[in-house]
Amino acid sequence: MNKKNSVFIATSLDGYIAAKNGGLDWLNSIPNLDHDDMGYIAFNKEIDALVMGRKTFVTVLGFDVDWPYDKPVFVLSNSLKEIPASLKEKAFLVNGTLTEILTQIHKKGFYRLYIDGGTTITNFLNEDLIDEMIITTIPILLGGGAPLFSELPNELKFELIGTKTYLNQIVQSHYIRKR
């Protein structure tokens, strides 16, 4: 089975994935009357499972919606002790090095992974474990917050393989890792 670690995330024009207060309201700053999923459903069909950090997991738990994922979610955490009972068969705690974690997940039959959360994405990039990035840029300047990227130990080259425009304002760029 082909292994692939993919990112699908939105960012502001100035590169933030959350506002200074951690808020995500800005993601809905462009009216989306037709509820366009902007490629998420097609992307979701191509993955086997999600890998996210504890902060992202807690953020998702705080949304006033039913559990939004139909695939297994692996939560990276050294501090979280258990998954809420309502998610026992949907979300799983994992810890160790990223290589150990990926080995655990692959042994369970999940090879095409959606990597989510700023710190988690950065950690995967630090170890050159991201194969594909789909970055959706919302035309807003947040002026600060949680950045998508931080300093990396090495330069990583990606190749643009496509762009799409949604709602006449939102640009989505699809990159693959050049190795």
N, C-alpha and C. Protein backbone atom coordinates (compact mmCIF):
# COMPACT_ATOMS: atom_id res chain seq x y z
N MET A 1 0.84 -1.18 0.00
CA MET A 1 0.00 0.00 0.00
C MET A 1 0.88 1.24 0.00
N ASN A 2 0.50 2.22 -0.81
CA ASN A 2 1.23 3.48 -0.84
C ASN A 2 0.94 4.29 0.41
N LYS A 3 2.00 4.70 1.08
CA LYS A 3 1.86 5.53 2.26
C LYS A 3 1.90 6.99 1.83
N LYS A 4 1.01 7.81 2.40
CA LYS A 4 1.00 9.23 2.07
C LYS A 4 0.48 10.01 3.26
N ASN A 5 1.21 11.04 3.63
CA ASN A 5 0.81 11.95 4.70
C ASN A 5 0.44 13.28 4.06
N SER A 6 -0.81 13.68 4.24
CA SER A 6 -1.34 14.86 3.57
C SER A 6 -1.84 15.90 4.57
N VAL A 7 -1.70 17.15 4.18
CA VAL A 7 -2.22 18.29 4.94
C VAL A 7 -3.34 18.90 4.11
N PHE A 8 -4.44 19.24 4.77
CA PHE A 8 -5.55 19.98 4.15
C PHE A 8 -5.93 21.03 5.19
N ILE A 9 -5.58 22.28 4.91
CA ILE A 9 -5.75 23.31 5.95
C ILE A 9 -5.99 24.67 5.31
N ALA A 10 -6.62 25.55 6.08
CA ALA A 10 -6.85 26.92 5.64
C ALA A 10 -5.91 27.85 6.40
N THR A 11 -5.54 28.92 5.74
CA THR A 11 -4.67 29.91 6.34
C THR A 11 -5.12 31.31 5.93
N SER A 12 -4.79 32.28 6.74
CA SER A 12 -5.03 33.67 6.38
C SER A 12 -3.96 34.11 5.38
N LEU A 13 -4.15 35.29 4.80
CA LEU A 13 -3.13 35.81 3.87
C LEU A 13 -1.77 35.95 4.55
N ASP A 14 -1.78 36.26 5.84
CA ASP A 14 -0.51 36.41 6.55
C ASP A 14 -0.04 35.13 7.24
N GLY A 15 -0.64 33.99 6.86
CA GLY A 15 -0.09 32.69 7.25
C GLY A 15 -0.53 32.12 8.57
N TYR A 16 -1.64 32.59 9.12
CA TYR A 16 -2.11 32.07 10.41
C TYR A 16 -3.27 31.09 10.22
N ILE A 17 -3.31 30.08 11.10
CA ILE A 17 -4.39 29.08 11.04
C ILE A 17 -5.40 29.29 12.17
N ALA A 18 -5.09 30.18 13.08
CA ALA A 18 -6.01 30.58 14.14
C ALA A 18 -5.69 32.02 14.51
N ALA A 19 -6.70 32.75 14.95
CA ALA A 19 -6.53 34.15 15.35
C ALA A 19 -5.76 34.23 16.67
N LYS A 20 -5.43 35.46 17.08
CA LYS A 20 -4.67 35.66 18.32
C LYS A 20 -5.34 35.02 19.53
N ASN A 21 -6.67 35.03 19.56
CA ASN A 21 -7.41 34.45 20.67
C ASN A 21 -7.70 32.96 20.47
N GLY A 22 -7.11 32.38 19.41
CA GLY A 22 -7.34 30.98 19.08
C GLY A 22 -8.59 30.76 18.25
N GLY A 23 -9.31 31.85 17.98
CA GLY A 23 -10.58 31.77 17.26
C GLY A 23 -10.42 31.36 15.80
N LEU A 24 -11.52 30.77 15.30
CA LEU A 24 -11.56 30.32 13.91
C LEU A 24 -12.71 30.97 13.13
N ASP A 25 -13.36 31.97 13.71
CA ASP A 25 -14.50 32.61 13.05
C ASP A 25 -14.12 33.17 11.68
N TRP A 26 -12.91 33.60 11.53
CA TRP A 26 -12.45 34.20 10.28
C TRP A 26 -12.57 33.23 9.10
N LEU A 27 -12.61 31.93 9.38
CA LEU A 27 -12.75 30.94 8.31
C LEU A 27 -14.07 31.12 7.55
N ASN A 28 -15.03 31.73 8.20
CA ASN A 28 -16.33 31.96 7.59
C ASN A 28 -16.53 33.43 7.20
N SER A 29 -15.43 34.15 7.00
CA SER A 29 -15.53 35.57 6.69
C SER A 29 -16.03 35.84 5.27
N ILE A 30 -15.96 34.86 4.40
CA ILE A 30 -16.49 34.98 3.03
C ILE A 30 -17.81 34.21 3.00
N PRO A 31 -18.91 34.88 2.65
CA PRO A 31 -20.19 34.17 2.61
C PRO A 31 -20.13 32.96 1.66
N ASN A 32 -20.68 31.84 2.14
CA ASN A 32 -20.67 30.59 1.38
C ASN A 32 -22.11 30.07 1.34
N LEU A 33 -22.94 30.78 0.59
CA LEU A 33 -24.38 30.49 0.57
C LEU A 33 -24.71 29.11 0.05
N ASP A 34 -23.87 28.57 -0.84
CA ASP A 34 -24.12 27.23 -1.40
C ASP A 34 -23.45 26.13 -0.58
N HIS A 35 -22.80 26.50 0.52
CA HIS A 35 -22.11 25.54 1.40
C HIS A 35 -21.10 24.68 0.63
N ASP A 36 -20.33 25.33 -0.23
CA ASP A 36 -19.28 24.64 -1.00
C ASP A 36 -18.27 24.06 -0.01
N ASP A 37 -17.96 22.80 -0.14
CA ASP A 37 -17.01 22.15 0.77
C ASP A 37 -15.56 22.41 0.38
N MET A 38 -15.34 23.07 -0.72
CA MET A 38 -14.01 23.48 -1.20
C MET A 38 -13.04 22.31 -1.30
N GLY A 39 -13.54 21.19 -1.76
CA GLY A 39 -12.70 20.04 -2.02
C GLY A 39 -12.51 19.10 -0.85
N TYR A 40 -13.08 19.42 0.30
CA TYR A 40 -12.85 18.58 1.48
C TYR A 40 -13.43 17.18 1.32
N ILE A 41 -14.62 17.06 0.77
CA ILE A 41 -15.24 15.74 0.63
C ILE A 41 -14.40 14.84 -0.27
N ALA A 42 -13.94 15.39 -1.39
CA ALA A 42 -13.08 14.60 -2.30
C ALA A 42 -11.77 14.22 -1.59
N PHE A 43 -11.19 15.16 -0.86
CA PHE A 43 -9.96 14.88 -0.12
C PHE A 43 -10.22 13.77 0.91
N ASN A 44 -11.31 13.87 1.65
CA ASN A 44 -11.64 12.90 2.69
C ASN A 44 -11.80 11.49 2.12
N LYS A 45 -12.27 11.37 0.90
CA LYS A 45 -12.42 10.06 0.27
C LYS A 45 -11.07 9.41 0.00
N GLU A 46 -10.01 10.20 -0.06
CA GLU A 46 -8.66 9.71 -0.38
C GLU A 46 -7.83 9.36 0.84
N ILE A 47 -8.37 9.57 2.04
CA ILE A 47 -7.59 9.27 3.25
C ILE A 47 -8.18 8.08 3.99
N ASP A 48 -7.34 7.45 4.82
CA ASP A 48 -7.76 6.32 5.65
C ASP A 48 -8.04 6.73 7.09
N ALA A 49 -7.29 7.74 7.58
CA ALA A 49 -7.38 8.13 8.98
C ALA A 49 -6.78 9.53 9.14
N LEU A 50 -7.04 10.12 10.30
CA LEU A 50 -6.49 11.43 10.65
C LEU A 50 -5.49 11.29 11.78
N VAL A 51 -4.50 12.18 11.78
CA VAL A 51 -3.55 12.29 12.88
C VAL A 51 -3.57 13.75 13.30
N MET A 52 -3.90 14.00 14.56
CA MET A 52 -3.93 15.38 15.03
C MET A 52 -3.35 15.47 16.42
N GLY A 53 -2.95 16.67 16.76
CA GLY A 53 -2.42 16.90 18.09
C GLY A 53 -3.52 17.11 19.11
N ARG A 54 -3.13 17.12 20.36
CA ARG A 54 -4.08 17.29 21.46
C ARG A 54 -4.83 18.61 21.37
N LYS A 55 -4.13 19.70 21.06
CA LYS A 55 -4.80 21.02 20.99
C LYS A 55 -5.89 21.02 19.93
N THR A 56 -5.61 20.45 18.78
CA THR A 56 -6.61 20.40 17.71
C THR A 56 -7.77 19.52 18.15
N PHE A 57 -7.48 18.40 18.77
CA PHE A 57 -8.51 17.49 19.26
C PHE A 57 -9.44 18.21 20.24
N VAL A 58 -8.85 18.92 21.20
CA VAL A 58 -9.64 19.65 22.19
C VAL A 58 -10.46 20.75 21.52
N THR A 59 -9.88 21.41 20.52
CA THR A 59 -10.62 22.44 19.78
C THR A 59 -11.84 21.83 19.10
N VAL A 60 -11.64 20.70 18.43
CA VAL A 60 -12.76 20.03 17.74
C VAL A 60 -13.83 19.61 18.74
N LEU A 61 -13.41 19.12 19.91
CA LEU A 61 -14.38 18.73 20.94
C LEU A 61 -15.21 19.93 21.40
N GLY A 62 -14.63 21.12 21.30
CA GLY A 62 -15.31 22.34 21.73
C GLY A 62 -16.32 22.87 20.72
N PHE A 63 -16.30 22.37 19.49
CA PHE A 63 -17.28 22.79 18.49
C PHE A 63 -18.66 22.28 18.92
N ASP A 64 -19.67 23.06 18.65
CA ASP A 64 -21.03 22.65 19.01
C ASP A 64 -21.65 21.85 17.87
N VAL A 65 -21.00 20.72 17.54
CA VAL A 65 -21.46 19.85 16.45
C VAL A 65 -21.23 18.39 16.85
N ASP A 66 -21.88 17.49 16.15
CA ASP A 66 -21.58 16.07 16.34
C ASP A 66 -20.15 15.82 15.88
N TRP A 67 -19.57 14.71 16.30
CA TRP A 67 -18.21 14.34 15.89
C TRP A 67 -18.13 14.43 14.36
N PRO A 68 -17.24 15.26 13.82
CA PRO A 68 -17.26 15.54 12.38
C PRO A 68 -16.51 14.54 11.49
N TYR A 69 -15.89 13.53 12.06
CA TYR A 69 -15.06 12.64 11.25
C TYR A 69 -15.68 11.25 11.11
N ASP A 70 -15.56 10.72 9.89
CA ASP A 70 -16.05 9.37 9.64
C ASP A 70 -14.91 8.36 9.51
N LYS A 71 -13.70 8.82 9.77
CA LYS A 71 -12.50 7.98 9.73
C LYS A 71 -11.89 7.96 11.13
N PRO A 72 -11.06 6.96 11.42
CA PRO A 72 -10.39 6.93 12.73
C PRO A 72 -9.49 8.16 12.91
N VAL A 73 -9.47 8.67 14.13
CA VAL A 73 -8.65 9.84 14.46
C VAL A 73 -7.62 9.39 15.51
N PHE A 74 -6.36 9.59 15.19
CA PHE A 74 -5.27 9.27 16.12
C PHE A 74 -4.78 10.59 16.72
N VAL A 75 -4.85 10.68 18.03
CA VAL A 75 -4.52 11.91 18.75
C VAL A 75 -3.15 11.77 19.38
N LEU A 76 -2.24 12.64 18.98
CA LEU A 76 -0.89 12.65 19.54
C LEU A 76 -0.91 13.41 20.86
N SER A 77 -0.57 12.74 21.93
CA SER A 77 -0.55 13.42 23.21
C SER A 77 0.27 12.63 24.22
N ASN A 78 1.05 13.39 24.99
CA ASN A 78 1.75 12.80 26.12
C ASN A 78 1.03 13.14 27.42
N SER A 79 0.11 14.12 27.36
CA SER A 79 -0.56 14.56 28.58
C SER A 79 -2.00 14.07 28.70
N LEU A 80 -2.69 13.90 27.60
CA LEU A 80 -4.07 13.42 27.64
C LEU A 80 -4.06 11.95 28.08
N LYS A 81 -4.88 11.61 29.04
CA LYS A 81 -4.86 10.26 29.60
C LYS A 81 -5.91 9.35 28.98
N GLU A 82 -7.01 9.93 28.49
CA GLU A 82 -8.03 9.09 27.87
C GLU A 82 -8.89 9.89 26.90
N ILE A 83 -9.52 9.17 26.02
CA ILE A 83 -10.46 9.72 25.05
C ILE A 83 -11.85 9.70 25.69
N PRO A 84 -12.68 10.72 25.47
CA PRO A 84 -14.04 10.67 26.01
C PRO A 84 -14.75 9.37 25.60
N ALA A 85 -15.55 8.83 26.51
CA ALA A 85 -16.23 7.55 26.28
C ALA A 85 -17.03 7.54 24.99
N SER A 86 -17.63 8.66 24.64
CA SER A 86 -18.46 8.72 23.42
C SER A 86 -17.65 8.56 22.14
N LEU A 87 -16.33 8.67 22.25
CA LEU A 87 -15.47 8.57 21.06
C LEU A 87 -14.55 7.35 21.11
N LYS A 88 -14.79 6.41 22.01
CA LYS A 88 -13.89 5.27 22.22
C LYS A 88 -13.55 4.49 20.96
N GLU A 89 -14.47 4.31 20.06
CA GLU A 89 -14.18 3.55 18.83
C GLU A 89 -13.88 4.46 17.64
N LYS A 90 -13.79 5.78 17.90
CA LYS A 90 -13.58 6.75 16.82
C LYS A 90 -12.23 7.46 16.92
N ALA A 91 -11.76 7.65 18.14
CA ALA A 91 -10.50 8.36 18.36
C ALA A 91 -9.62 7.53 19.28
N PHE A 92 -8.30 7.62 19.05
CA PHE A 92 -7.34 6.78 19.76
C PHE A 92 -6.11 7.60 20.15
N LEU A 93 -5.67 7.46 21.38
CA LEU A 93 -4.46 8.13 21.83
C LEU A 93 -3.23 7.38 21.33
N VAL A 94 -2.24 8.11 20.85
CA VAL A 94 -0.96 7.53 20.45
C VAL A 94 0.15 8.43 20.96
N ASN A 95 1.28 7.81 21.29
CA ASN A 95 2.45 8.62 21.65
C ASN A 95 3.71 7.86 21.29
N GLY A 96 4.80 8.59 21.35
CA GLY A 96 6.09 8.05 20.93
C GLY A 96 6.68 8.98 19.89
N THR A 97 7.74 8.53 19.23
CA THR A 97 8.29 9.33 18.14
C THR A 97 7.32 9.24 16.95
N LEU A 98 7.44 10.18 16.03
CA LEU A 98 6.54 10.14 14.87
C LEU A 98 6.73 8.85 14.07
N THR A 99 7.96 8.39 13.97
CA THR A 99 8.21 7.14 13.24
C THR A 99 7.52 5.97 13.95
N GLU A 100 7.60 5.92 15.28
CA GLU A 100 6.92 4.86 16.04
C GLU A 100 5.41 4.95 15.87
N ILE A 101 4.90 6.17 15.93
CA ILE A 101 3.45 6.38 15.80
C ILE A 101 2.98 5.95 14.42
N LEU A 102 3.72 6.34 13.38
CA LEU A 102 3.33 5.94 12.02
C LEU A 102 3.37 4.43 11.87
N THR A 103 4.35 3.79 12.46
CA THR A 103 4.43 2.33 12.41
C THR A 103 3.20 1.71 13.06
N GLN A 104 2.80 2.23 14.23
CA GLN A 104 1.59 1.74 14.91
C GLN A 104 0.36 1.89 14.03
N ILE A 105 0.22 3.05 13.42
CA ILE A 105 -0.97 3.34 12.59
C ILE A 105 -0.96 2.46 11.34
N HIS A 106 0.20 2.33 10.71
CA HIS A 106 0.30 1.50 9.50
C HIS A 106 -0.02 0.04 9.82
N LYS A 107 0.41 -0.45 10.98
CA LYS A 107 0.12 -1.83 11.37
C LYS A 107 -1.38 -2.08 11.51
N LYS A 108 -2.14 -1.01 11.75
CA LYS A 108 -3.60 -1.13 11.85
C LYS A 108 -4.27 -1.04 10.47
N GLY A 109 -3.45 -0.87 9.41
CA GLY A 109 -4.00 -0.84 8.05
C GLY A 109 -4.33 0.53 7.51
N PHE A 110 -3.85 1.59 8.16
CA PHE A 110 -4.11 2.96 7.71
C PHE A 110 -2.83 3.54 7.14
N TYR A 111 -2.85 3.88 5.86
CA TYR A 111 -1.63 4.32 5.18
C TYR A 111 -1.72 5.74 4.62
N ARG A 112 -2.91 6.17 4.26
CA ARG A 112 -3.10 7.50 3.69
C ARG A 112 -3.67 8.39 4.79
N LEU A 113 -2.80 9.22 5.35
CA LEU A 113 -3.13 9.94 6.57
C LEU A 113 -3.29 11.44 6.35
N TYR A 114 -4.31 11.99 6.99
CA TYR A 114 -4.57 13.43 7.02
C TYR A 114 -3.91 13.96 8.28
N ILE A 115 -2.91 14.80 8.13
CA ILE A 115 -2.17 15.36 9.25
C ILE A 115 -2.76 16.74 9.55
N ASP A 116 -3.25 16.94 10.78
CA ASP A 116 -3.96 18.18 11.09
C ASP A 116 -3.45 18.79 12.39
N GLY A 117 -3.44 20.11 12.42
CA GLY A 117 -3.02 20.87 13.59
C GLY A 117 -1.65 21.49 13.38
N GLY A 118 -1.52 22.75 13.75
CA GLY A 118 -0.28 23.49 13.48
C GLY A 118 0.98 22.85 14.01
N THR A 119 1.00 22.48 15.28
CA THR A 119 2.19 21.87 15.87
C THR A 119 2.46 20.51 15.24
N THR A 120 1.40 19.74 15.02
CA THR A 120 1.57 18.41 14.43
C THR A 120 2.13 18.52 13.01
N ILE A 121 1.59 19.44 12.23
CA ILE A 121 2.10 19.64 10.86
C ILE A 121 3.58 20.04 10.92
N THR A 122 3.91 20.97 11.80
CA THR A 122 5.31 21.40 11.93
C THR A 122 6.21 20.23 12.32
N ASN A 123 5.76 19.41 13.27
CA ASN A 123 6.57 18.26 13.70
C ASN A 123 6.79 17.28 12.55
N PHE A 124 5.75 17.03 11.75
CA PHE A 124 5.89 16.15 10.59
C PHE A 124 6.84 16.77 9.56
N LEU A 125 6.73 18.08 9.34
CA LEU A 125 7.64 18.76 8.40
C LEU A 125 9.08 18.70 8.92
N ASN A 126 9.27 18.88 10.22
CA ASN A 126 10.61 18.82 10.80
C ASN A 126 11.30 17.50 10.49
N GLU A 127 10.52 16.43 10.35
CA GLU A 127 11.08 15.11 10.06
C GLU A 127 10.86 14.71 8.60
N ASP A 128 10.47 15.69 7.78
CA ASP A 128 10.24 15.48 6.34
C ASP A 128 9.28 14.32 6.09
N LEU A 129 8.12 14.37 6.78
CA LEU A 129 7.14 13.31 6.68
C LEU A 129 5.83 13.76 6.01
N ILE A 130 5.84 14.92 5.37
CA ILE A 130 4.65 15.40 4.65
C ILE A 130 4.89 15.20 3.16
N ASP A 131 3.93 14.54 2.50
CA ASP A 131 4.04 14.25 1.07
C ASP A 131 3.22 15.20 0.21
N GLU A 132 2.19 15.79 0.81
CA GLU A 132 1.25 16.60 0.04
C GLU A 132 0.64 17.65 0.97
N MET A 133 0.46 18.86 0.42
CA MET A 133 -0.22 19.92 1.18
C MET A 133 -1.25 20.59 0.28
N ILE A 134 -2.46 20.69 0.81
CA ILE A 134 -3.52 21.45 0.15
C ILE A 134 -3.82 22.61 1.09
N ILE A 135 -3.45 23.81 0.65
CA ILE A 135 -3.56 24.99 1.50
C ILE A 135 -4.57 25.95 0.88
N THR A 136 -5.60 26.25 1.65
CA THR A 136 -6.65 27.15 1.21
C THR A 136 -6.42 28.50 1.88
N THR A 137 -6.28 29.55 1.07
CA THR A 137 -5.97 30.88 1.59
C THR A 137 -7.22 31.75 1.59
N ILE A 138 -7.60 32.19 2.79
CA ILE A 138 -8.75 33.07 2.98
C ILE A 138 -8.22 34.51 2.93
N PRO A 139 -8.85 35.39 2.15
CA PRO A 139 -8.33 36.75 1.99
C PRO A 139 -8.62 37.65 3.20
N ILE A 140 -7.88 37.39 4.25
CA ILE A 140 -7.99 38.19 5.47
C ILE A 140 -6.61 38.23 6.12
N LEU A 141 -6.27 39.38 6.69
CA LEU A 141 -5.03 39.51 7.45
C LEU A 141 -5.41 39.48 8.93
N LEU A 142 -4.92 38.50 9.65
CA LEU A 142 -5.23 38.37 11.06
C LEU A 142 -4.29 39.17 11.95
N GLY A 143 -3.09 39.47 11.45
CA GLY A 143 -2.15 40.27 12.22
C GLY A 143 -1.48 39.54 13.36
N GLY A 144 -1.67 38.25 13.43
CA GLY A 144 -1.06 37.45 14.50
C GLY A 144 -1.94 36.25 14.79
N GLY A 145 -1.42 35.35 15.60
CA GLY A 145 -2.16 34.14 15.95
C GLY A 145 -1.26 32.93 15.88
N ALA A 146 -1.83 31.80 15.53
CA ALA A 146 -1.07 30.55 15.40
C ALA A 146 -0.62 30.42 13.95
N PRO A 147 0.70 30.46 13.70
CA PRO A 147 1.18 30.36 12.32
C PRO A 147 1.09 28.93 11.79
N LEU A 148 0.87 28.82 10.49
CA LEU A 148 0.88 27.49 9.87
C LEU A 148 2.29 26.91 9.92
N PHE A 149 3.27 27.71 9.58
CA PHE A 149 4.65 27.21 9.52
C PHE A 149 5.51 27.94 10.54
N SER A 150 6.49 27.23 11.04
CA SER A 150 7.51 27.84 11.89
C SER A 150 8.86 27.44 11.33
N GLU A 151 9.90 27.79 12.04
CA GLU A 151 11.24 27.50 11.55
C GLU A 151 11.45 26.00 11.41
N LEU A 152 12.06 25.62 10.30
CA LEU A 152 12.36 24.20 10.03
C LEU A 152 13.87 24.00 9.99
N PRO A 153 14.33 22.79 10.31
CA PRO A 153 15.78 22.55 10.31
C PRO A 153 16.37 22.52 8.90
N ASN A 154 15.55 22.21 7.92
CA ASN A 154 16.04 22.10 6.55
C ASN A 154 15.02 22.66 5.57
N GLU A 155 15.52 23.07 4.42
CA GLU A 155 14.65 23.52 3.34
C GLU A 155 13.93 22.30 2.75
N LEU A 156 12.64 22.44 2.51
CA LEU A 156 11.85 21.38 1.90
C LEU A 156 11.21 21.94 0.63
N LYS A 157 11.46 21.30 -0.49
CA LYS A 157 10.91 21.78 -1.76
C LYS A 157 9.59 21.06 -2.06
N PHE A 158 8.61 21.85 -2.47
CA PHE A 158 7.32 21.33 -2.89
C PHE A 158 7.03 21.84 -4.30
N GLU A 159 6.25 21.09 -5.04
CA GLU A 159 5.88 21.46 -6.40
C GLU A 159 4.38 21.73 -6.44
N LEU A 160 4.02 22.87 -7.01
CA LEU A 160 2.61 23.21 -7.18
C LEU A 160 2.05 22.35 -8.30
N ILE A 161 0.97 21.60 -7.99
CA ILE A 161 0.38 20.77 -9.04
C ILE A 161 -1.02 21.25 -9.44
N GLY A 162 -1.52 22.27 -8.75
CA GLY A 162 -2.81 22.81 -9.15
C GLY A 162 -3.31 23.87 -8.20
N THR A 163 -4.15 24.75 -8.73
CA THR A 163 -4.83 25.75 -7.91
C THR A 163 -6.30 25.79 -8.32
N LYS A 164 -7.12 26.14 -7.37
CA LYS A 164 -8.54 26.33 -7.62
C LYS A 164 -8.98 27.58 -6.89
N THR A 165 -9.99 28.22 -7.42
CA THR A 165 -10.57 29.39 -6.76
C THR A 165 -12.00 29.04 -6.35
N TYR A 166 -12.33 29.37 -5.12
CA TYR A 166 -13.67 29.13 -4.61
C TYR A 166 -14.29 30.47 -4.22
N LEU A 167 -15.57 30.60 -4.47
CA LEU A 167 -16.34 31.79 -4.10
C LEU A 167 -15.72 33.07 -4.66
N ASN A 168 -15.01 32.94 -5.76
CA ASN A 168 -14.35 34.06 -6.45
C ASN A 168 -13.33 34.80 -5.61
N GLN A 169 -12.92 34.24 -4.47
CA GLN A 169 -11.99 34.95 -3.59
C GLN A 169 -11.00 34.05 -2.87
N ILE A 170 -11.37 32.81 -2.66
CA ILE A 170 -10.56 31.91 -1.86
C ILE A 170 -9.72 31.04 -2.79
N VAL A 171 -8.41 31.03 -2.56
CA VAL A 171 -7.50 30.29 -3.44
C VAL A 171 -6.98 29.06 -2.71
N GLN A 172 -7.08 27.93 -3.39
CA GLN A 172 -6.58 26.67 -2.83
C GLN A 172 -5.43 26.18 -3.71
N SER A 173 -4.29 25.95 -3.08
CA SER A 173 -3.09 25.49 -3.79
C SER A 173 -2.75 24.09 -3.34
N HIS A 174 -2.44 23.24 -4.31
CA HIS A 174 -2.14 21.83 -4.05
C HIS A 174 -0.67 21.59 -4.38
N TYR A 175 0.10 21.17 -3.39
CA TYR A 175 1.53 20.96 -3.52
C TYR A 175 1.88 19.50 -3.23
N ILE A 176 2.89 18.99 -3.91
CA ILE A 176 3.46 17.69 -3.55
C ILE A 176 4.94 17.88 -3.25
N ARG A 177 5.43 17.04 -2.38
CA ARG A 177 6.84 17.11 -1.96
C ARG A 177 7.73 16.65 -3.09
N LYS A 178 8.73 17.47 -3.41
CA LYS A 178 9.74 17.08 -4.40
C LYS A 178 10.88 16.41 -3.64
N ARG A 179 11.14 15.15 -3.98
CA ARG A 179 12.21 14.41 -3.28
C ARG A 179 13.31 14.08 -4.24
